[in-house]
Structure formats: structure tokens, C-alpha cells
């Protein structure tokens, strides 16, 4: 019996060993490989593409994004992109010589890349050895989905964005361009997240176009060889239509929000405060301002959407009028409760700081609207917000000069008709018009205005908002980021006014 069982085991093993391994039983391998996978094949050395190293595939199906009619792309490169792998957008450049100009953005193409060589030329990953005969145009005039990307994303992951079409929104320059400054050459494009080289060839059809104060820049990224062998990404517009001007005026925010304390160790009442910065010398007696806080916790009344926006009052919005005192350019000042302590009762005193407006809001109503309350901010996960206004007469139509929101819960916005919500302004977080479609979106949670700070969910956290603002250009050079700074009762003032705080560009 043992010999029979042993013989059957050997026969079974021999049968299994003799079977051909098949990872795709009953399935056919796609002839198309994603550009994502093509790029991942490159390991620093030239590679001839074959069906073996392309996992049985031999072609790519992609969309053309290059346009040589403007004379600004690297000569002879056909640039295509796809999203075949996990919806991840990737692109690749293919040198075709003069015939690259025969293809236009929106052309859908199939390219036989088997036999081509994956290589880097001047730092740009390309597939060489491809001829026009290897390319089949399937259709033309297809829409190319917009890919909005920040300059910091390109700088952090240049390989991801190389040879893809993207748009950098609200781009500008520092210092402000002179009326005679033109696009020709290398310019540092700033969108509040970083600075990316915008390259324009001297012979480009739009090289003599004057630099714009605020615009969207549509273009293709190429990673040329930089210092120490590192990629040096460039954004290149294709034609003059890739530049979409947003504004020709400079809007300077006189007061910016730089931090706040919304949930202290112990009771909040009379101890919450807001930290702000003047971007110019301000005499509040001559130029009054106001600060409004909104609390959208479930118990805040009136409930529902804020029919009068920031002026809703009762327990939804609370106003402080700033009508006396001064603040020098680049200095912090404070608004809030009369406690004037860094982290609630019995903590470090802040009375020596520049308090422009403070009173016991647990016993006194707001200036003009807002019912006395034990907490200005919501600590429930529902949204709170704070806004600065020039002047003290706030109505449903008033537009702030700076505004930020914390969290997203609660009845904040309805498109109506009529639309109801909290008005925003153009900041590093928000836009009164969609920067791409130019549609109106004047409220928080309307259109693209969905960014918010995080509710920390614990006591004793000061929300430090670090960024860099340039009052000369009216732009955030570095957008504000939130740091949850856990304070103690003994914390020093330098902790909330020191390293990581918002600064002004001098």
C-alpha cells in the first residue's frame, strides 16, 4: 500500500512539473502598456523595449499634448500622456524630428514602441527609434482633462510630471514685473507653494508678451540636467493661448490672520484669542477694521444656513470692532477675551502684547451683533471661521480682506436660489472666481473653495499659521500651513510669535 501511494505521489508531481506555468489562464495579454509602466522600466541605463520586458505588450495608446506651432517646445519632440495604470497620469517624449509638428493636442494615437530605446537625452526621458510609420492616429480634437498642479508638487516629484500637460494657477512673479518685462528667457513662477522655472524660447511666437501680475499657466514639464545631476524642471507654454490672465491689479491685504487659540486648557470662556498681523502701519482710529468669528456647532442659533452671512449674529457670528490703537507693519496684534492669557486660566500672561480689542465676551455681547457666549469657536468638529473686514458696518454682502475656516461640518452654504453662505475673498486658500473656469464662487464651500484648517480635537493647541506674505505684490509667497502647537500653562509668548510664524517679505 505504501508503495502504491508513493507511486501516485510521484506521478502527480511529474504531471505538475510538466505543466506550463500560466499566470493568466484563459486570458489574453493586452497589446497596450501604460506609460506609467514604461517609465518604471528605466533604471539609469538605455533599454531596448521588447514584448518580454513590456510584459507581453508592444504598444501605447495615448493622447498628444505637444503643439509646436508656438516655437517653444524642445524641437522635434512628440509628447504624449495617458492614465492607463491606476488612473495615474504619466507622459513620455518621442523624438520624431520635423514630423512631430504634424500632430496636435487632442490627437488620440497608438504607437508601436517595441524595438524603441528608452533613454534620457539632456535629462528628458524619451523613446528613441520610433518613426511616423509606427504611429496610428485614431481621432483628433479630443478634450484633454485639466491637471491642476502646484509648483511644489512638480519640484518634489519631477519625474511624475515630466512630459505631461498641467496648469499652474494664480502664478505671478516677485518682484512685480515692470511694464517692459517680457516672457523670453527663464523666469521664476510663484503660485504661493514654490518657484518653478518658466522657460520661453527667444524665438517663441509669444516671447515678447509682457509678464502678467496674476495668471494661469498651461504647459508641459521637461526635466533637463541640473546641478549635481539632479533634474531641473522647466514649465514650457506651447502657444500664447496657454497664458490665461486672471487680474491686472494688485490687491494688498492690510491685515492677515496668523494664528488663533480656540480650545484652551480648562474653560474657554473669556480666554479665546486671535493673532493677526498688520501688513502696513495702521491707526485703527483713522482706519477701523472688524473681526468676526462664526460658530456652527449644532447648538448655535439661528440654525440652518446663515441667511445674513457673517452678519447673522445671535450665536452664529460674533463681532469685534477695532477702532482704537495702532499696529506697525509686520507686527502681531491680538483680539479676544479679557483674560489675555496664553492657555487659559492661571497660564502665562499676554497682557503686555498689543491687544487692539478685548472684553469679556461671556458677559458682553459682540460689537453690533453676536450674543454673549462661553465659546467663540466650535469645538465639536463642525466648522468655525474667522474673517477680517475693513470697516465696522458688516452686512450680508460684505467681503472680508482675509478669511479662514476650520473644519467643514454644519449648514454653511447652499447654492439656492438664492445662494446663502459665508463670503470669502482672494487668499492663499480661497478664490472669489474659479481660477480655471472663471465662474463666480463667492462663498466658502462653493466651487473650489473647500480648503479648511484641521480641528485638532484637544485642549491647549495654539493654531500656528506659518507662511510668507509679500505686501509689495499682494501675494502669498508661501501659503499658510497649520501647526498644532501644544502649549502648557507655562508656555512663553515666543512660542506663538517665534519660529514657524507668518512673516512678511521685506
Protein backbone atom coordinates (compact mmCIF):
# COMPACT_ATOMS: atom_id res chain seq x y z
CA UNK A 1 0.00 0.00 0.00
CA UNK A 2 2.80 2.42 0.88
CA UNK A 3 4.49 1.76 -2.49
CA UNK A 4 1.22 2.47 -4.35
CA UNK A 5 0.69 5.75 -2.54
CA UNK A 6 4.33 6.76 -3.17
CA UNK A 7 4.00 5.97 -6.89
CA UNK A 8 0.82 8.05 -7.18
CA UNK A 9 2.56 10.98 -5.48
CA UNK A 10 5.48 10.85 -7.92
CA UNK A 11 3.10 10.68 -10.87
CA UNK A 12 1.15 13.69 -9.62
CA UNK A 13 4.33 15.72 -9.07
CA UNK A 14 5.63 14.83 -12.52
CA UNK A 15 2.37 15.95 -14.06
CA UNK A 16 2.51 19.30 -12.22
CA UNK A 17 6.16 19.88 -13.11
CA UNK A 18 5.38 19.16 -16.74
CA UNK A 19 2.58 21.74 -16.97
CA UNK A 20 3.42 25.13 -18.45
CA UNK A 21 3.14 27.98 -15.91
CA UNK A 22 0.35 30.40 -16.84
CA UNK A 23 -0.41 33.47 -14.77
CA UNK A 24 -3.37 34.39 -16.98
CA UNK A 25 -5.30 31.16 -17.62
CA UNK A 26 -7.88 31.74 -20.31
CA UNK A 27 -6.95 35.43 -20.75
CA UNK A 28 -5.07 37.35 -23.44
CA UNK A 29 -2.36 39.89 -22.58
CA UNK A 30 -3.25 43.40 -23.66
CA UNK A 31 -1.14 44.74 -26.53
CA UNK A 32 -1.08 48.12 -24.74
CA UNK A 33 1.26 49.06 -21.91
CA UNK A 34 0.78 52.11 -19.72
CA UNK A 35 3.29 54.94 -19.89
CA UNK A 36 3.47 54.61 -16.09
CA UNK A 37 4.97 51.12 -16.59
CA UNK A 38 7.22 52.27 -19.44
CA UNK A 39 8.79 54.96 -17.25
CA UNK A 40 9.32 52.48 -14.42
CA UNK A 41 11.39 50.27 -16.71
CA UNK A 42 14.14 52.87 -16.89
CA UNK A 43 16.86 52.18 -14.30
CA UNK A 44 19.50 54.68 -15.39
CA UNK A 45 20.73 52.83 -18.50
CA UNK A 46 19.44 52.62 -22.07
CA UNK A 47 16.87 49.86 -22.53
CA UNK A 48 15.58 48.40 -25.78
CA UNK A 49 11.86 47.80 -25.38
CA UNK A 50 10.66 44.28 -26.19
CA UNK A 51 7.49 42.33 -25.62
CA UNK A 52 9.36 40.41 -22.91
CA UNK A 53 10.31 43.41 -20.78
CA UNK A 54 6.95 45.07 -21.55
CA UNK A 55 5.11 42.08 -20.03
CA UNK A 56 3.83 40.87 -23.40
CA UNK A 57 2.67 44.26 -24.68
CA UNK A 58 4.07 46.21 -27.60
CA UNK A 59 2.14 49.47 -27.94
CA UNK A 60 0.99 52.54 -26.07
CA UNK A 61 -2.39 54.23 -26.60
CA UNK A 62 -2.04 57.85 -25.62
CA UNK A 63 -3.13 61.45 -26.13
CA UNK A 64 -0.93 64.03 -27.83
CA UNK A 65 -0.33 67.18 -25.74
CA UNK A 66 2.51 68.83 -27.68
CA UNK A 67 2.00 71.76 -30.06
CA UNK A 68 5.00 73.09 -31.95
CA UNK A 69 3.19 75.99 -33.63
CA UNK A 70 4.33 78.37 -30.85
CA UNK A 71 8.01 77.50 -31.25
CA UNK A 72 8.58 76.92 -27.53
CA UNK A 73 8.87 73.15 -27.10
CA UNK A 74 12.10 71.17 -27.49
CA UNK A 75 12.49 70.75 -31.21
CA UNK A 76 11.26 67.51 -32.75
CA UNK A 77 9.64 66.02 -29.61
CA UNK A 78 6.19 64.46 -29.78
CA UNK A 79 4.79 64.48 -26.24
CA UNK A 80 2.02 62.07 -25.26
CA UNK A 81 0.33 61.08 -22.00
CA UNK A 82 -2.11 58.51 -20.62
CA UNK A 83 -3.81 57.32 -17.42
CA UNK A 84 -3.89 53.57 -18.11
CA UNK A 85 -2.27 52.48 -14.83
CA UNK A 86 -4.37 53.14 -11.70
CA UNK A 87 -5.58 56.42 -13.27
CA UNK A 88 -2.07 57.82 -12.71
CA UNK A 89 -1.23 60.45 -15.32
CA UNK A 90 2.18 59.94 -16.91
CA UNK A 91 3.81 61.23 -20.09
CA UNK A 92 6.71 60.43 -22.39
CA UNK A 93 8.56 62.28 -25.16
CA UNK A 94 9.30 60.73 -28.56
CA UNK A 95 11.77 62.37 -30.96
CA UNK A 96 10.28 62.49 -34.45
CA UNK A 97 12.11 65.42 -35.99
CA UNK A 98 10.11 67.86 -38.08
CA UNK A 99 7.17 65.46 -38.28
CA UNK A 100 6.41 65.95 -34.58
CA UNK A 101 4.68 69.17 -35.70
CA UNK A 102 2.19 67.10 -37.73
CA UNK A 103 0.45 66.09 -34.51
CA UNK A 104 -1.75 68.40 -32.45
CA UNK A 105 -3.09 68.41 -28.89
CA UNK A 106 -6.11 66.13 -28.62
CA UNK A 107 -4.90 63.61 -31.20
CA UNK A 108 -5.51 60.07 -29.97
CA UNK A 109 -2.66 57.87 -31.15
CA UNK A 110 -1.47 54.26 -30.98
CA UNK A 111 2.31 53.92 -31.05
CA UNK A 112 4.22 50.68 -31.60
CA UNK A 113 7.17 51.11 -29.22
CA UNK A 114 8.59 47.59 -29.46
CA UNK A 115 12.17 47.98 -30.65
CA UNK A 116 12.41 51.56 -29.43
CA UNK A 117 15.08 52.56 -26.94
CA UNK A 118 14.18 54.02 -23.58
CA UNK A 119 16.86 56.62 -22.82
CA UNK A 120 17.48 60.04 -21.36
CA UNK A 121 18.52 62.87 -23.65
CA UNK A 122 19.68 66.04 -21.87
CA UNK A 123 17.84 64.71 -18.81
CA UNK A 124 14.47 64.12 -20.51
CA UNK A 125 13.22 60.51 -20.64
CA UNK A 126 12.44 59.57 -24.26
CA UNK A 127 11.73 56.61 -26.51
CA UNK A 128 14.05 56.87 -29.49
CA UNK A 129 13.96 54.89 -32.70
CA UNK A 130 10.26 55.49 -33.35
CA UNK A 131 9.21 56.56 -36.85
CA UNK A 132 5.98 58.18 -38.07
CA UNK A 133 5.13 54.79 -39.56
CA UNK A 134 4.93 53.36 -36.05
CA UNK A 135 2.18 55.82 -35.14
CA UNK A 136 -1.52 55.48 -35.98
CA UNK A 137 -3.79 58.48 -35.44
CA UNK A 138 -7.14 57.20 -34.19
CA UNK A 139 -9.01 60.50 -33.80
CA UNK A 140 -8.46 64.24 -33.37
CA UNK A 141 -9.91 67.10 -31.36
CA UNK A 142 -10.37 65.13 -28.16
CA UNK A 143 -10.68 67.07 -24.91
CA UNK A 144 -7.68 66.86 -22.60
CA UNK A 145 -8.70 66.85 -18.92
CA UNK A 146 -7.09 69.66 -16.94
CA UNK A 147 -4.47 68.69 -14.39
CA UNK A 148 -4.06 71.42 -11.76
CA UNK A 149 -0.69 71.10 -10.04
CA UNK A 150 1.24 73.29 -7.61
CA UNK A 151 4.85 74.26 -8.23
CA UNK A 152 5.88 72.44 -5.05
CA UNK A 153 4.39 69.19 -6.37
CA UNK A 154 6.49 69.46 -9.53
CA UNK A 155 9.63 70.28 -7.56
CA UNK A 156 9.09 67.40 -5.14
CA UNK A 157 8.25 64.76 -7.80
CA UNK A 158 9.63 66.00 -11.14
CA UNK A 159 9.61 62.53 -12.72
CA UNK A 160 5.89 62.18 -12.07
CA UNK A 161 5.04 65.32 -14.05
CA UNK A 162 7.63 65.19 -16.83
CA UNK A 163 6.13 65.24 -20.33
CA UNK A 164 2.62 65.91 -19.01
CA UNK A 165 0.33 68.86 -19.60
CA UNK A 166 -0.59 70.73 -16.43
CA UNK A 167 -1.78 74.12 -15.24
CA UNK A 168 -0.26 76.27 -12.52
CA UNK A 169 -2.97 78.62 -11.28
CA UNK A 170 -2.59 82.11 -9.86
CA UNK A 171 1.03 82.32 -10.96
CA UNK A 172 3.00 85.52 -10.53
CA UNK A 173 6.48 86.93 -10.09
CA UNK A 174 8.48 88.51 -7.30
CA UNK A 175 9.29 91.34 -7.61
CA UNK A 176 6.36 92.62 -9.62
CA UNK A 177 7.26 92.76 -13.30
CA UNK A 178 7.95 96.12 -14.87
CA UNK A 179 5.84 97.16 -17.88
CA UNK A 180 8.81 96.35 -20.13
CA UNK A 181 9.46 92.84 -18.74
CA UNK A 182 8.66 90.10 -21.26
CA UNK A 183 8.40 86.32 -21.11
CA UNK A 184 11.56 85.50 -23.09
CA UNK A 185 14.12 83.54 -21.06
CA UNK A 186 13.90 81.89 -17.64
CA UNK A 187 11.54 83.37 -15.04
CA UNK A 188 10.69 82.08 -11.57
CA UNK A 189 6.95 81.43 -11.48
CA UNK A 190 5.45 81.58 -7.97
CA UNK A 191 1.99 80.28 -7.05
CA UNK A 192 2.30 80.50 -3.28
CA UNK A 193 3.71 76.99 -2.96
CA UNK A 194 7.13 77.32 -4.56
CA UNK A 195 9.05 78.72 -7.52
CA UNK A 196 9.22 76.82 -10.81
CA UNK A 197 11.27 77.87 -13.81
CA UNK A 198 9.07 79.16 -16.63
CA UNK A 199 11.13 78.91 -19.82
CA UNK A 200 10.32 80.77 -23.02
CA UNK A 201 12.50 80.43 -26.09
CA UNK A 202 13.62 83.78 -27.60
CA UNK A 203 12.11 82.67 -30.90
CA UNK A 204 8.73 81.67 -29.48
CA UNK A 205 5.77 83.45 -31.03
CA UNK A 206 4.86 84.90 -27.61
CA UNK A 207 8.38 85.66 -26.34
CA UNK A 208 7.70 89.41 -26.35
CA UNK A 209 4.47 89.10 -24.34
CA UNK A 210 4.70 91.18 -21.16
CA UNK A 211 4.81 89.36 -17.84
CA UNK A 212 1.48 89.26 -16.04
CA UNK A 213 0.74 90.03 -12.39
CA UNK A 214 -1.66 87.11 -11.93
CA UNK A 215 -2.39 84.41 -14.50
CA UNK A 216 -2.85 80.68 -15.13
CA UNK A 217 -0.01 78.95 -16.95
CA UNK A 218 -0.78 75.84 -19.04
CA UNK A 219 2.27 73.98 -20.17
CA UNK A 220 4.41 70.84 -20.36
CA UNK A 221 7.13 69.98 -17.85
CA UNK A 222 10.58 68.91 -19.05
CA UNK A 223 13.33 67.82 -16.65
CA UNK A 224 16.65 68.95 -18.03
CA UNK A 225 20.01 68.18 -16.43
CA UNK A 226 20.66 70.43 -13.46
CA UNK A 227 23.39 70.83 -10.89
CA UNK A 228 24.88 67.68 -9.37
CA UNK A 229 22.96 65.55 -11.85
CA UNK A 230 19.61 66.47 -10.33
CA UNK A 231 16.63 67.17 -12.62
CA UNK A 232 15.91 70.85 -13.24
CA UNK A 233 12.22 71.01 -14.20
CA UNK A 234 11.03 73.66 -16.61
CA UNK A 235 7.45 74.58 -17.46
CA UNK A 236 7.04 75.46 -21.13
CA UNK A 237 3.91 77.02 -22.56
CA UNK A 238 3.07 75.78 -26.04
CA UNK A 239 1.32 78.80 -27.55
CA UNK A 240 0.11 82.24 -26.45
CA UNK A 241 -3.29 80.74 -25.58
CA UNK A 242 -1.66 78.77 -22.76
CA UNK A 243 -1.49 82.02 -20.78
CA UNK A 244 -4.80 82.99 -19.14
CA UNK A 245 -4.70 86.36 -17.37
CA UNK A 246 -6.69 86.49 -14.12
CA UNK A 247 -6.03 90.03 -12.92
CA UNK A 248 -4.02 93.11 -13.79
CA UNK A 249 -4.43 94.81 -10.41
CA UNK A 250 -2.61 94.26 -7.13
CA UNK A 251 -4.84 93.61 -4.09
CA UNK A 252 -2.91 94.10 -0.85
CA UNK A 253 -4.38 92.59 2.31
CA UNK A 254 -3.86 95.12 5.14
CA UNK A 255 -4.45 92.58 7.95
CA UNK A 256 -3.74 88.86 7.80
CA UNK A 257 -4.74 86.03 10.14
CA UNK A 258 -1.65 84.34 11.59
CA UNK A 259 -2.96 82.14 14.42
CA UNK A 260 -5.69 81.51 16.97
CA UNK A 261 -6.43 79.74 20.23
CA UNK A 262 -9.87 78.11 20.15
CA UNK A 263 -9.76 75.32 22.75
CA UNK A 264 -7.77 76.09 25.88
CA UNK A 265 -6.74 74.01 28.86
CA UNK A 266 -9.76 74.47 31.09
CA UNK A 267 -12.74 76.64 30.25
CA UNK A 268 -12.70 78.63 27.02
CA UNK A 269 -14.88 81.50 28.17
CA UNK A 270 -13.10 84.88 28.12
CA UNK A 271 -9.74 83.30 27.12
CA UNK A 272 -10.01 82.55 23.37
CA UNK A 273 -7.97 84.85 21.15
CA UNK A 274 -6.94 85.55 17.58
CA UNK A 275 -3.46 86.56 16.44
CA UNK A 276 -3.21 88.90 13.45
CA UNK A 277 -0.50 90.84 11.62
CA UNK A 278 -0.53 94.27 10.01
CA UNK A 279 0.99 94.40 6.53
CA UNK A 280 1.21 98.20 6.72
CA UNK A 281 1.23 100.75 9.54
CA UNK A 282 -2.37 101.01 10.80
CA UNK A 283 -4.04 103.58 13.03
CA UNK A 284 -7.35 101.90 13.84
CA UNK A 285 -8.95 105.17 14.94
CA UNK A 286 -8.39 106.53 11.44
CA UNK A 287 -8.99 103.25 9.58
CA UNK A 288 -11.31 100.98 11.57
CA UNK A 289 -11.47 97.23 10.98
CA UNK A 290 -13.55 94.43 12.45
CA UNK A 291 -13.02 90.73 13.17
CA UNK A 292 -15.91 88.26 13.02
CA UNK A 293 -15.90 84.68 14.33
CA UNK A 294 -18.52 82.13 13.26
CA UNK A 295 -19.51 79.12 15.34
CA UNK A 296 -21.54 76.46 13.52
CA UNK A 297 -21.90 73.92 16.31
CA UNK A 298 -25.30 72.23 16.39
CA UNK A 299 -26.39 74.33 19.39
CA UNK A 300 -25.59 77.64 17.69
CA UNK A 301 -28.60 79.70 16.72
CA UNK A 302 -30.13 80.55 14.36
CA UNK A 303 -29.87 77.08 12.83
CA UNK A 304 -29.79 76.33 9.14
CA UNK A 305 -27.89 78.25 6.51
CA UNK A 306 -26.65 81.71 7.61
CA UNK A 307 -29.20 83.94 5.88
CA UNK A 308 -27.18 87.09 6.63
CA UNK A 309 -23.75 85.57 6.17
CA UNK A 310 -21.14 86.95 8.52
CA UNK A 311 -23.75 89.41 9.88
CA UNK A 312 -26.09 86.61 11.05
CA UNK A 313 -25.35 87.31 14.71
CA UNK A 314 -27.00 85.63 17.74
CA UNK A 315 -24.82 82.57 18.48
CA UNK A 316 -23.66 82.03 14.89
CA UNK A 317 -21.40 85.06 14.44
CA UNK A 318 -19.70 87.39 16.90
CA UNK A 319 -18.02 90.71 16.03
CA UNK A 320 -15.13 92.71 17.49
CA UNK A 321 -14.73 96.30 16.29
CA UNK A 322 -11.14 97.57 16.00
CA UNK A 323 -11.49 101.34 16.38
CA UNK A 324 -8.52 102.40 18.52
CA UNK A 325 -4.83 101.61 18.91
CA UNK A 326 -2.11 101.13 16.31
CA UNK A 327 -0.15 98.29 14.76
CA UNK A 328 3.15 98.73 12.94
CA UNK A 329 3.83 96.96 9.67
CA UNK A 330 4.96 93.38 10.21
CA UNK A 331 3.91 93.19 13.88
CA UNK A 332 1.43 90.92 15.61
CA UNK A 333 -1.65 92.16 17.43
CA UNK A 334 -4.46 90.39 19.23
CA UNK A 335 -8.25 90.29 19.52
CA UNK A 336 -10.25 88.22 22.01
CA UNK A 337 -11.24 87.75 25.62
CA UNK A 338 -10.23 89.96 28.54
CA UNK A 339 -8.33 87.08 30.16
CA UNK A 340 -5.27 87.75 27.99
CA UNK A 341 -3.52 84.51 28.93
CA UNK A 342 -1.70 82.15 26.61
CA UNK A 343 -3.50 78.92 27.55
CA UNK A 344 -6.47 79.68 29.75
CA UNK A 345 -6.78 80.48 33.42
CA UNK A 346 -3.57 80.66 35.52
CA UNK A 347 -1.29 80.45 32.45
CA UNK A 348 1.35 82.88 31.15
CA UNK A 349 0.04 86.45 30.90
CA UNK A 350 -0.19 88.09 27.46
CA UNK A 351 -1.29 91.47 28.79
CA UNK A 352 1.95 93.12 27.63
CA UNK A 353 1.17 92.36 23.99
CA UNK A 354 -0.63 94.63 21.54
CA UNK A 355 -4.33 93.98 22.21
CA UNK A 356 -6.43 96.06 19.84
CA UNK A 357 -9.78 94.80 21.16
CA UNK A 358 -10.57 92.58 24.17
CA UNK A 359 -13.51 92.21 26.51
CA UNK A 360 -15.32 89.53 28.49
CA UNK A 361 -17.50 88.04 25.80
CA UNK A 362 -19.13 85.72 28.36
CA UNK A 363 -20.85 88.79 29.81
CA UNK A 364 -20.88 91.30 26.94
CA UNK A 365 -22.50 90.97 23.52
CA UNK A 366 -20.48 91.47 20.36
CA UNK A 367 -19.88 94.86 18.78
CA UNK A 368 -23.01 95.24 16.68
CA UNK A 369 -24.01 91.56 16.63
CA UNK A 370 -23.33 88.34 18.47
CA UNK A 371 -24.80 87.17 21.78
CA UNK A 372 -22.51 86.77 24.78
CA UNK A 373 -21.15 83.25 24.78
CA UNK A 374 -18.92 80.79 26.59
CA UNK A 375 -17.13 79.88 23.34
CA UNK A 376 -16.44 81.85 20.18
CA UNK A 377 -15.27 78.79 18.25
CA UNK A 378 -16.91 75.40 17.70
CA UNK A 379 -15.13 72.55 19.46
CA UNK A 380 -17.39 69.86 18.08
CA UNK A 381 -15.85 69.19 14.68
CA UNK A 382 -18.38 71.45 13.00
CA UNK A 383 -16.94 74.43 11.20
CA UNK A 384 -15.64 77.60 12.78
CA UNK A 385 -14.41 80.53 10.76
CA UNK A 386 -12.80 83.89 11.24
CA UNK A 387 -12.77 86.87 8.93
CA UNK A 388 -11.24 90.36 8.93
CA UNK A 389 -13.18 93.25 7.42
CA UNK A 390 -12.20 96.80 6.62
CA UNK A 391 -14.75 98.97 8.43
CA UNK A 392 -17.28 98.02 11.09
CA UNK A 393 -20.59 98.09 9.17
CA UNK A 394 -20.87 94.43 8.19
CA UNK A 395 -23.81 93.22 6.08
CA UNK A 396 -24.74 90.10 4.16
CA UNK A 397 -22.86 91.48 1.16
CA UNK A 398 -19.64 92.44 2.97
CA UNK A 399 -16.48 90.83 1.59
CA UNK A 400 -13.62 90.25 4.05
CA UNK A 401 -9.98 91.16 3.45
CA UNK A 402 -8.83 87.84 4.92
CA UNK A 403 -10.70 84.71 5.96
CA UNK A 404 -10.02 81.15 7.13
CA UNK A 405 -12.21 78.22 8.12
CA UNK A 406 -11.64 75.31 10.46
CA UNK A 407 -13.38 72.01 9.56
CA UNK A 408 -16.35 71.56 7.25
CA UNK A 409 -19.39 70.42 9.25
CA UNK A 410 -22.64 72.30 9.69
CA UNK A 411 -25.03 74.27 7.49
CA UNK A 412 -22.53 76.50 5.73
CA UNK A 413 -23.57 77.01 2.12
CA UNK A 414 -26.45 76.37 -0.24
CA UNK A 415 -26.45 77.34 -3.93
CA UNK A 416 -30.13 78.24 -3.59
CA UNK A 417 -31.57 80.09 -5.27
CA UNK A 418 -30.76 82.37 -3.68
CA UNK A 419 -27.27 81.29 -2.64
CA UNK A 420 -26.57 81.60 1.09
CA UNK A 421 -23.29 81.30 2.92
CA UNK A 422 -20.19 82.97 4.32
CA UNK A 423 -18.41 85.21 1.81
CA UNK A 424 -14.72 84.71 1.16
CA UNK A 425 -12.06 86.77 -0.59
CA UNK A 426 -9.00 86.00 -2.70
CA UNK A 427 -6.43 84.44 -0.36
CA UNK A 428 -3.91 81.62 -0.36
CA UNK A 429 -6.89 79.33 0.41
CA UNK A 430 -9.84 80.80 -1.49
CA UNK A 431 -10.86 82.46 -4.78
CA UNK A 432 -13.97 84.54 -5.46
CA UNK A 433 -13.86 83.23 -9.04
CA UNK A 434 -12.92 79.73 -10.08
CA UNK A 435 -9.33 80.27 -11.27
CA UNK A 436 -9.83 77.95 -14.24
CA UNK A 437 -13.46 78.35 -15.35
CA UNK A 438 -13.73 81.97 -14.06
CA UNK A 439 -17.20 81.19 -12.67
CA UNK A 440 -18.30 83.13 -9.58
CA UNK A 441 -17.83 81.27 -6.29
CA UNK A 442 -18.10 83.95 -3.58
CA UNK A 443 -18.79 81.65 -0.60
CA UNK A 444 -16.94 79.10 1.48
CA UNK A 445 -17.81 75.58 0.22
CA UNK A 446 -18.85 76.91 -3.21
CA UNK A 447 -16.87 75.80 -6.25
CA UNK A 448 -13.24 75.17 -5.40
CA UNK A 449 -13.46 76.94 -2.01
CA UNK A 450 -13.35 73.74 0.02
CA UNK A 451 -10.00 74.04 1.79
CA UNK A 452 -10.07 74.27 5.56
CA UNK A 453 -7.81 74.04 8.55
CA UNK A 454 -7.99 70.93 10.72
CA UNK A 455 -9.84 70.87 14.01
CA UNK A 456 -7.26 69.47 16.43
CA UNK A 457 -9.76 67.90 18.78
CA UNK A 458 -7.91 68.56 22.01
CA UNK A 459 -7.29 71.27 24.57
CA UNK A 460 -4.26 73.53 24.68
CA UNK A 461 -3.37 73.64 20.98
CA UNK A 462 -2.44 77.01 19.51
CA UNK A 463 -3.00 77.02 15.76
CA UNK A 464 0.21 78.49 14.35
CA UNK A 465 -0.27 79.57 10.73
CA UNK A 466 3.15 79.82 9.15
CA UNK A 467 3.53 81.45 5.74
CA UNK A 468 5.19 84.36 3.97
CA UNK A 469 3.27 87.32 2.58
CA UNK A 470 4.67 89.96 0.26
CA UNK A 471 2.83 93.27 0.76
CA UNK A 472 4.57 94.74 -2.29
CA UNK A 473 2.99 92.21 -4.66
CA UNK A 474 -0.12 91.37 -2.63
CA UNK A 475 0.75 87.66 -2.87
CA UNK A 476 1.45 84.81 -0.52
CA UNK A 477 4.95 83.71 -1.49
CA UNK A 478 4.50 80.74 0.80
CA UNK A 479 0.93 79.71 1.56
CA UNK A 480 -0.08 79.37 5.18
CA UNK A 481 0.33 75.97 6.79
CA UNK A 482 -1.17 74.88 10.09
CA UNK A 483 0.95 73.71 13.01
CA UNK A 484 -0.85 72.38 16.09
CA UNK A 485 1.38 73.80 18.83
CA UNK A 486 0.60 72.13 22.16
CA UNK A 487 1.02 74.70 24.93
CA UNK A 488 1.28 74.33 28.69
CA UNK A 489 0.31 76.75 31.42
CA UNK A 490 3.96 77.86 31.49
CA UNK A 491 4.42 78.35 27.73
CA UNK A 492 6.23 81.51 26.66
CA UNK A 493 5.00 84.15 24.25
CA UNK A 494 7.97 83.40 21.99
CA UNK A 495 6.38 80.04 21.22
CA UNK A 496 3.47 81.66 19.37
CA UNK A 497 5.42 84.57 17.89
CA UNK A 498 8.67 82.84 17.06
CA UNK A 499 9.89 80.11 14.72
CA UNK A 500 7.28 78.95 12.24
CA UNK A 501 5.15 82.09 12.50
CA UNK A 502 3.97 84.05 9.48
CA UNK A 503 6.44 86.62 8.18
CA UNK A 504 6.36 89.49 5.70
CA UNK A 505 8.81 89.67 2.84
CA UNK A 506 10.95 92.75 3.40
